[in-house]
Amino acid sequence: MTTKGILYLIPTTLGDTAETADVLPVKVNLVINTIDEYIVENEKSARQYLKKMGIQKPLQEIVLHPLNQHTEAKDISTYLNAIGEGKNIGIISEAGCPGVADPGAEVVKLAHEKNITVRPLVGPSSILLALMGSGFNGQSFAFHGYLPKERNERIKKIKELEKGAQQRNQTQLFIETPYRNNHMLDDIIASCDGNTKLCIACDITLPTEFIQTKTIAAWKKQLPDINKRPAIFLIYR
């Protein structure tokens, strides 16, 4: 009887770091060299990542299964077939940890339904690193992903999150598409009370990393330019 393989959740860097060893343990490199098939968000960046990690197998021999907004459910269900043959499969996110604010969660759900062993590897999570660096409540927090695109709805949501931070003593985290970061920041500043605290965590783990917490009133005096820079926003009382 063939022993089932393992589904590994393989973390990646949060950006173009000079040394992967600065943010990823050796175990990740060791596991990568035991895998022949990967489920990835972006094939090009996944190959670049594997090359940077020093994968020993020729990249042309590696099978990459795409997982994005165009992937159909019927295709996803076939991605884990090799595990039944005793092979290991890895999920690689575009940045950070698979399954966290990431489509890889659907594959993990399927793996559990098929009684497949799921093994997450240690790596950088921008959400947790931002929370750690904020000075906010790390025991009660909520990540909301992207807020509404329509401005009035977005402002309504920001006020709702601020209220949640005040009433539940809960840190509220959310993100925006990098090229709209400055617009998001403007809306936060315009919507929140001056005493509310805002942490901006930008370019986490990169040489240009910026993590700073101030009250809304203090931020109004000087706003950073975070246009096109990956950022997480955190609101707290």
C-alpha atoms as a PDB file:
ATOM      1  CA  MET A   1       0.000   0.000   0.000  1.00  0.00           C
ATOM      2  CA  THR A   2       1.409   3.376  -1.001  1.00  0.00           C
ATOM      3  CA  THR A   3       1.867   5.850   1.840  1.00  0.00           C
ATOM      4  CA  LYS A   4       0.253   9.216   1.206  1.00  0.00           C
ATOM      5  CA  GLY A   5       2.415  12.242   0.646  1.00  0.00           C
ATOM      6  CA  ILE A   6       2.235  15.509   2.576  1.00  0.00           C
ATOM      7  CA  LEU A   7       0.858  18.910   1.620  1.00  0.00           C
ATOM      8  CA  TYR A   8       3.474  21.478   2.662  1.00  0.00           C
ATOM      9  CA  LEU A   9       2.555  25.131   3.088  1.00  0.00           C
ATOM     10  CA  ILE A  10       5.731  26.890   2.011  1.00  0.00           C
ATOM     11  CA  PRO A  11       6.244  30.514   3.084  1.00  0.00           C
ATOM     12  CA  THR A  12       7.983  33.011   0.860  1.00  0.00           C
ATOM     13  CA  THR A  13       9.617  36.368   1.424  1.00  0.00           C
ATOM     14  CA  LEU A  14       7.419  39.469   1.673  1.00  0.00           C
ATOM     15  CA  GLY A  15       9.406  41.239  -1.015  1.00  0.00           C
ATOM     16  CA  ASP A  16      12.743  41.261  -2.768  1.00  0.00           C
ATOM     17  CA  THR A  17      15.011  40.656   0.215  1.00  0.00           C
ATOM     18  CA  ALA A  18      18.733  40.376  -0.405  1.00  0.00           C
ATOM     19  CA  GLU A  19      19.101  37.218   1.689  1.00  0.00           C
ATOM     20  CA  THR A  20      16.283  34.683   2.051  1.00  0.00           C
ATOM     21  CA  ALA A  21      18.107  33.283   5.094  1.00  0.00           C
ATOM     22  CA  ASP A  22      17.233  36.505   6.934  1.00  0.00           C
ATOM     23  CA  VAL A  23      13.541  35.610   7.015  1.00  0.00           C
ATOM     24  CA  LEU A  24      13.249  31.896   6.182  1.00  0.00           C
ATOM     25  CA  PRO A  25      14.613  28.942   8.195  1.00  0.00           C
ATOM     26  CA  VAL A  26      16.816  26.243   6.648  1.00  0.00           C
ATOM     27  CA  LYS A  27      13.931  23.743   6.977  1.00  0.00           C
ATOM     28  CA  VAL A  28      12.104  25.503   4.128  1.00  0.00           C
ATOM     29  CA  ASN A  29      15.041  24.940   1.796  1.00  0.00           C
ATOM     30  CA  LEU A  30      15.287  21.284   2.812  1.00  0.00           C
ATOM     31  CA  VAL A  31      11.599  20.650   2.165  1.00  0.00           C
ATOM     32  CA  ILE A  32      11.665  22.384  -1.220  1.00  0.00           C
ATOM     33  CA  ASN A  33      14.180  19.817  -2.413  1.00  0.00           C
ATOM     34  CA  THR A  34      11.797  16.938  -1.633  1.00  0.00           C
ATOM     35  CA  ILE A  35       8.958  18.261  -3.803  1.00  0.00           C
ATOM     36  CA  ASP A  36       8.232  17.811  -7.506  1.00  0.00           C
ATOM     37  CA  GLU A  37       4.847  19.546  -7.730  1.00  0.00           C
ATOM     38  CA  TYR A  38       3.684  22.934  -6.476  1.00  0.00           C
ATOM     39  CA  ILE A  39       0.408  24.823  -6.358  1.00  0.00           C
ATOM     40  CA  VAL A  40       1.246  28.484  -6.952  1.00  0.00           C
ATOM     41  CA  GLU A  41      -0.394  31.876  -7.383  1.00  0.00           C
ATOM     42  CA  ASN A  42       2.043  33.033 -10.050  1.00  0.00           C
ATOM     43  CA  GLU A  43       4.197  30.622 -12.038  1.00  0.00           C
ATOM     44  CA  LYS A  44       6.878  33.152 -12.964  1.00  0.00           C
ATOM     45  CA  SER A  45       7.460  34.459  -9.447  1.00  0.00           C
ATOM     46  CA  ALA A  46       7.289  30.910  -8.044  1.00  0.00           C
ATOM     47  CA  ARG A  47      10.114  29.800 -10.348  1.00  0.00           C
ATOM     48  CA  GLN A  48      12.148  32.871  -9.368  1.00  0.00           C
ATOM     49  CA  TYR A  49      11.596  32.070  -5.703  1.00  0.00           C
ATOM     50  CA  LEU A  50      12.603  28.423  -6.067  1.00  0.00           C
ATOM     51  CA  LYS A  51      15.723  29.477  -7.977  1.00  0.00           C
ATOM     52  CA  LYS A  52      16.635  32.010  -5.305  1.00  0.00           C
ATOM     53  CA  MET A  53      16.189  29.340  -2.627  1.00  0.00           C
ATOM     54  CA  GLY A  54      18.745  27.217  -4.454  1.00  0.00           C
ATOM     55  CA  ILE A  55      16.492  24.369  -5.521  1.00  0.00           C
ATOM     56  CA  GLN A  56      18.621  21.455  -6.699  1.00  0.00           C
ATOM     57  CA  LYS A  57      16.182  19.946  -9.186  1.00  0.00           C
ATOM     58  CA  PRO A  58      16.051  21.439 -12.699  1.00  0.00           C
ATOM     59  CA  LEU A  59      13.164  23.906 -12.833  1.00  0.00           C
ATOM     60  CA  GLN A  60      11.915  22.398 -16.094  1.00  0.00           C
ATOM     61  CA  GLU A  61      11.227  19.169 -14.208  1.00  0.00           C
ATOM     62  CA  ILE A  62       9.059  20.895 -11.604  1.00  0.00           C
ATOM     63  CA  VAL A  63       5.264  20.813 -12.142  1.00  0.00           C
ATOM     64  CA  LEU A  64       3.444  24.037 -11.281  1.00  0.00           C
ATOM     65  CA  HIS A  65      -0.338  24.127 -10.886  1.00  0.00           C
ATOM     66  CA  PRO A  66      -1.821  27.660 -11.127  1.00  0.00           C
ATOM     67  CA  LEU A  67      -4.131  28.844  -8.344  1.00  0.00           C
ATOM     68  CA  ASN A  68      -5.714  32.239  -8.955  1.00  0.00           C
ATOM     69  CA  GLN A  69      -9.066  33.883  -9.683  1.00  0.00           C
ATOM     70  CA  HIS A  70      -9.255  32.051 -13.015  1.00  0.00           C
ATOM     71  CA  THR A  71      -8.713  28.552 -11.609  1.00  0.00           C
ATOM     72  CA  GLU A  72     -11.824  26.396 -11.722  1.00  0.00           C
ATOM     73  CA  ALA A  73     -12.902  24.231  -8.796  1.00  0.00           C
ATOM     74  CA  LYS A  74     -12.763  21.078 -10.924  1.00  0.00           C
ATOM     75  CA  ASP A  75      -9.078  21.747 -11.644  1.00  0.00           C
ATOM     76  CA  ILE A  76      -8.214  22.352  -7.988  1.00  0.00           C
ATOM     77  CA  SER A  77      -9.652  18.966  -7.082  1.00  0.00           C
ATOM     78  CA  THR A  78      -7.027  17.277  -9.295  1.00  0.00           C
ATOM     79  CA  TYR A  79      -4.027  19.164  -7.910  1.00  0.00           C
ATOM     80  CA  LEU A  80      -3.618  16.798  -4.967  1.00  0.00           C
ATOM     81  CA  ASN A  81      -3.686  13.574  -6.977  1.00  0.00           C
ATOM     82  CA  ALA A  82       0.070  13.009  -6.681  1.00  0.00           C
ATOM     83  CA  ILE A  83      -0.227  12.864  -2.882  1.00  0.00           C
ATOM     84  CA  GLY A  84      -2.163   9.628  -3.266  1.00  0.00           C
ATOM     85  CA  GLU A  85       0.878   8.261  -5.117  1.00  0.00           C
ATOM     86  CA  GLY A  86       3.124   9.043  -2.151  1.00  0.00           C
ATOM     87  CA  LYS A  87       4.516  12.328  -3.467  1.00  0.00           C
ATOM     88  CA  ASN A  88       4.739  15.584  -1.505  1.00  0.00           C
ATOM     89  CA  ILE A  89       3.146  18.749  -2.866  1.00  0.00           C
ATOM     90  CA  GLY A  90       3.885  22.344  -1.849  1.00  0.00           C
ATOM     91  CA  ILE A  91       1.725  25.468  -1.891  1.00  0.00           C
ATOM     92  CA  ILE A  92       3.580  28.707  -2.597  1.00  0.00           C
ATOM     93  CA  SER A  93       1.873  32.046  -2.000  1.00  0.00           C
ATOM     94  CA  GLU A  94       2.783  35.199  -3.884  1.00  0.00           C
ATOM     95  CA  ALA A  95       4.144  36.621  -0.618  1.00  0.00           C
ATOM     96  CA  GLY A  96       4.295  35.430   2.971  1.00  0.00           C
ATOM     97  CA  CYS A  97       2.370  32.451   4.324  1.00  0.00           C
ATOM     98  CA  PRO A  98       0.018  30.312   2.220  1.00  0.00           C
ATOM     99  CA  GLY A  99      -3.568  30.094   3.414  1.00  0.00           C
ATOM    100  CA  VAL A 100      -3.519  33.460   5.215  1.00  0.00           C
ATOM    101  CA  ALA A 101      -5.343  36.075   3.121  1.00  0.00           C
ATOM    102  CA  ASP A 102      -4.498  33.724   0.285  1.00  0.00           C
ATOM    103  CA  PRO A 103      -6.363  31.371  -2.100  1.00  0.00           C
ATOM    104  CA  GLY A 104      -4.285  28.444  -0.831  1.00  0.00           C
ATOM    105  CA  ALA A 105      -6.816  28.050   1.972  1.00  0.00           C
ATOM    106  CA  GLU A 106      -9.184  26.322  -0.478  1.00  0.00           C
ATOM    107  CA  VAL A 107      -6.579  23.661  -1.233  1.00  0.00           C
ATOM    108  CA  VAL A 108      -5.886  23.137   2.470  1.00  0.00           C
ATOM    109  CA  LYS A 109      -9.615  22.698   3.093  1.00  0.00           C
ATOM    110  CA  LEU A 110      -9.743  20.082   0.353  1.00  0.00           C
ATOM    111  CA  ALA A 111      -6.694  18.311   1.795  1.00  0.00           C
ATOM    112  CA  HIS A 112      -8.404  17.922   5.158  1.00  0.00           C
ATOM    113  CA  GLU A 113     -11.497  16.531   3.454  1.00  0.00           C
ATOM    114  CA  LYS A 114      -9.259  13.941   1.775  1.00  0.00           C
ATOM    115  CA  ASN A 115      -7.513  13.111   5.074  1.00  0.00           C
ATOM    116  CA  ILE A 116      -4.180  14.411   3.768  1.00  0.00           C
ATOM    117  CA  THR A 117      -1.509  15.525   6.223  1.00  0.00           C
ATOM    118  CA  VAL A 118      -1.060  19.308   6.110  1.00  0.00           C
ATOM    119  CA  ARG A 119       2.240  20.714   7.334  1.00  0.00           C
ATOM    120  CA  PRO A 120       2.685  24.518   7.582  1.00  0.00           C
ATOM    121  CA  LEU A 121       6.288  25.730   7.633  1.00  0.00           C
ATOM    122  CA  VAL A 122       7.571  28.690   9.597  1.00  0.00           C
ATOM    123  CA  GLY A 123       7.919  31.937   7.674  1.00  0.00           C
ATOM    124  CA  PRO A 124       7.092  35.661   7.683  1.00  0.00           C
ATOM    125  CA  SER A 125       3.468  36.754   8.059  1.00  0.00           C
ATOM    126  CA  SER A 126       2.982  40.452   7.415  1.00  0.00           C
ATOM    127  CA  ILE A 127      -0.191  40.398   9.501  1.00  0.00           C
ATOM    128  CA  LEU A 128       1.480  39.035  12.634  1.00  0.00           C
ATOM    129  CA  LEU A 129       4.658  41.061  12.179  1.00  0.00           C
ATOM    130  CA  ALA A 130       2.605  44.245  11.849  1.00  0.00           C
ATOM    131  CA  LEU A 131       0.626  43.348  14.972  1.00  0.00           C
ATOM    132  CA  MET A 132       3.824  42.593  16.880  1.00  0.00           C
ATOM    133  CA  GLY A 133       5.317  45.932  15.909  1.00  0.00           C
ATOM    134  CA  SER A 134       2.223  48.030  16.568  1.00  0.00           C
ATOM    135  CA  GLY A 135       2.050  47.966  20.352  1.00  0.00           C
ATOM    136  CA  PHE A 136      -1.664  47.160  20.070  1.00  0.00           C
ATOM    137  CA  ASN A 137      -3.706  44.365  21.652  1.00  0.00           C
ATOM    138  CA  GLY A 138      -2.201  41.082  20.494  1.00  0.00           C
ATOM    139  CA  GLN A 139      -4.725  38.888  22.310  1.00  0.00           C
ATOM    140  CA  SER A 140      -7.849  40.173  20.608  1.00  0.00           C
ATOM    141  CA  PHE A 141      -7.551  41.245  16.986  1.00  0.00           C
ATOM    142  CA  ALA A 142      -9.319  40.879  13.651  1.00  0.00           C
ATOM    143  CA  PHE A 143      -7.991  40.963  10.105  1.00  0.00           C
ATOM    144  CA  HIS A 144     -10.501  42.273   7.570  1.00  0.00           C
ATOM    145  CA  GLY A 145      -8.551  42.020   4.325  1.00  0.00           C
ATOM    146  CA  TYR A 146      -9.522  44.620   1.731  1.00  0.00           C
ATOM    147  CA  LEU A 147     -12.115  47.244   2.583  1.00  0.00           C
ATOM    148  CA  PRO A 148     -14.811  48.315   0.075  1.00  0.00           C
ATOM    149  CA  LYS A 149     -13.570  50.091  -3.070  1.00  0.00           C
ATOM    150  CA  GLU A 150     -16.404  52.622  -3.138  1.00  0.00           C
ATOM    151  CA  ARG A 151     -15.324  55.585  -1.000  1.00  0.00           C
ATOM    152  CA  ASN A 152     -18.519  56.122   0.985  1.00  0.00           C
ATOM    153  CA  GLU A 153     -18.720  52.423   1.808  1.00  0.00           C
ATOM    154  CA  ARG A 154     -15.024  52.390   2.696  1.00  0.00           C
ATOM    155  CA  ILE A 155     -15.407  55.328   5.089  1.00  0.00           C
ATOM    156  CA  LYS A 156     -18.425  53.648   6.658  1.00  0.00           C
ATOM    157  CA  LYS A 157     -16.356  50.501   7.206  1.00  0.00           C
ATOM    158  CA  ILE A 158     -13.440  52.437   8.704  1.00  0.00           C
ATOM    159  CA  LYS A 159     -15.773  54.034  11.240  1.00  0.00           C
ATOM    160  CA  GLU A 160     -17.232  50.621  12.015  1.00  0.00           C
ATOM    161  CA  LEU A 161     -13.744  49.212  12.673  1.00  0.00           C
ATOM    162  CA  GLU A 162     -12.847  52.175  14.857  1.00  0.00           C
ATOM    163  CA  LYS A 163     -15.986  51.553  16.906  1.00  0.00           C
ATOM    164  CA  GLY A 164     -15.049  47.892  17.240  1.00  0.00           C
ATOM    165  CA  ALA A 165     -11.586  48.814  18.495  1.00  0.00           C
ATOM    166  CA  GLN A 166     -13.075  51.110  21.118  1.00  0.00           C
ATOM    167  CA  GLN A 167     -15.939  48.927  22.313  1.00  0.00           C
ATOM    168  CA  ARG A 168     -14.245  45.520  22.209  1.00  0.00           C
ATOM    169  CA  ASN A 169     -10.681  46.559  22.997  1.00  0.00           C
ATOM    170  CA  GLN A 170      -9.769  44.794  19.757  1.00  0.00           C
ATOM    171  CA  THR A 171      -7.042  45.613  17.233  1.00  0.00           C
ATOM    172  CA  GLN A 172      -8.425  46.029  13.711  1.00  0.00           C
ATOM    173  CA  LEU A 173      -6.164  45.189  10.756  1.00  0.00           C
ATOM    174  CA  PHE A 174      -6.789  45.701   7.041  1.00  0.00           C
ATOM    175  CA  ILE A 175      -4.974  46.220   3.759  1.00  0.00           C
ATOM    176  CA  GLU A 176      -5.303  48.041   0.463  1.00  0.00           C
ATOM    177  CA  THR A 177      -3.953  47.617  -3.043  1.00  0.00           C
ATOM    178  CA  PRO A 178      -0.534  49.357  -2.842  1.00  0.00           C
ATOM    179  CA  TYR A 179      -1.267  51.978  -5.494  1.00  0.00           C
ATOM    180  CA  ARG A 180      -4.342  53.091  -3.493  1.00  0.00           C
ATOM    181  CA  ASN A 181      -2.559  53.241  -0.119  1.00  0.00           C
ATOM    182  CA  ASN A 182      -2.413  57.034   0.045  1.00  0.00           C
ATOM    183  CA  HIS A 183      -6.145  57.307  -0.660  1.00  0.00           C
ATOM    184  CA  MET A 184      -6.837  54.804   2.111  1.00  0.00           C
ATOM    185  CA  LEU A 185      -4.637  56.749   4.500  1.00  0.00           C
ATOM    186  CA  ASP A 186      -6.442  59.984   3.651  1.00  0.00           C
ATOM    187  CA  ASP A 187      -9.805  58.340   4.367  1.00  0.00           C
ATOM    188  CA  ILE A 188      -8.610  56.949   7.703  1.00  0.00           C
ATOM    189  CA  ILE A 189      -7.322  60.346   8.794  1.00  0.00           C
ATOM    190  CA  ALA A 190     -10.555  62.059   7.720  1.00  0.00           C
ATOM    191  CA  SER A 191     -12.854  59.463   9.313  1.00  0.00           C
ATOM    192  CA  CYS A 192     -11.355  58.644  12.704  1.00  0.00           C
ATOM    193  CA  ASP A 193     -11.279  60.511  15.992  1.00  0.00           C
ATOM    194  CA  GLY A 194      -8.075  62.382  16.751  1.00  0.00           C
ATOM    195  CA  ASN A 195      -7.384  60.180  19.792  1.00  0.00           C
ATOM    196  CA  THR A 196      -7.698  56.915  17.879  1.00  0.00           C
ATOM    197  CA  LYS A 197      -4.361  55.214  17.293  1.00  0.00           C
ATOM    198  CA  LEU A 198      -3.195  54.164  13.845  1.00  0.00           C
ATOM    199  CA  CYS A 199      -0.203  51.989  13.043  1.00  0.00           C
ATOM    200  CA  ILE A 200       1.154  51.941   9.509  1.00  0.00           C
ATOM    201  CA  ALA A 201       3.328  48.896   8.809  1.00  0.00           C
ATOM    202  CA  CYS A 202       4.970  49.162   5.413  1.00  0.00           C
ATOM    203  CA  ASP A 203       7.604  47.136   3.499  1.00  0.00           C
ATOM    204  CA  ILE A 204       7.843  44.646   6.355  1.00  0.00           C
ATOM    205  CA  THR A 205      11.210  42.760   6.479  1.00  0.00           C
ATOM    206  CA  LEU A 206      12.577  44.861   3.603  1.00  0.00           C
ATOM    207  CA  PRO A 207      15.429  47.396   3.890  1.00  0.00           C
ATOM    208  CA  THR A 208      12.821  50.171   3.561  1.00  0.00           C
ATOM    209  CA  GLU A 209      10.669  48.817   6.406  1.00  0.00           C
ATOM    210  CA  PHE A 210       8.507  51.443   8.104  1.00  0.00           C
ATOM    211  CA  ILE A 211       6.415  50.648  11.200  1.00  0.00           C
ATOM    212  CA  GLN A 212       5.073  53.533  13.235  1.00  0.00           C
ATOM    213  CA  THR A 213       2.173  54.094  15.631  1.00  0.00           C
ATOM    214  CA  LYS A 214       0.656  57.517  16.335  1.00  0.00           C
ATOM    215  CA  THR A 215      -2.698  59.042  17.152  1.00  0.00           C
ATOM    216  CA  ILE A 216      -4.736  60.287  14.219  1.00  0.00           C
ATOM    217  CA  ALA A 217      -4.117  63.847  15.441  1.00  0.00           C
ATOM    218  CA  ALA A 218      -0.354  63.283  15.341  1.00  0.00           C
ATOM    219  CA  TRP A 219      -0.475  61.680  11.892  1.00  0.00           C
ATOM    220  CA  LYS A 220      -2.314  64.723  10.530  1.00  0.00           C
ATOM    221  CA  LYS A 221       0.810  66.804  11.068  1.00  0.00           C
ATOM    222  CA  GLN A 222       2.830  64.715   8.605  1.00  0.00           C
ATOM    223  CA  LEU A 223       1.669  61.792   6.496  1.00  0.00           C
ATOM    224  CA  PRO A 224       4.157  59.351   4.958  1.00  0.00           C
ATOM    225  CA  ASP A 225       4.110  58.587   1.249  1.00  0.00           C
ATOM    226  CA  ILE A 226       3.294  54.878   1.065  1.00  0.00           C
ATOM    227  CA  ASN A 227       2.175  54.778  -2.546  1.00  0.00           C
ATOM    228  CA  LYS A 228       2.883  51.412  -4.223  1.00  0.00           C
ATOM    229  CA  ARG A 229       4.459  50.017  -1.033  1.00  0.00           C
ATOM    230  CA  PRO A 230       2.884  46.900   0.558  1.00  0.00           C
ATOM    231  CA  ALA A 231       1.284  48.091   3.787  1.00  0.00           C
ATOM    232  CA  ILE A 232      -0.979  46.988   6.598  1.00  0.00           C
ATOM    233  CA  PHE A 233      -3.125  49.431   8.546  1.00  0.00           C
ATOM    234  CA  LEU A 234      -3.989  48.838  12.201  1.00  0.00           C
ATOM    235  CA  ILE A 235      -6.537  50.776  14.256  1.00  0.00           C
ATOM    236  CA  TYR A 236      -6.784  50.695  18.019  1.00  0.00           C
ATOM    237  CA  ARG A 237      -8.145  52.834  20.780  1.00  0.00           C
END
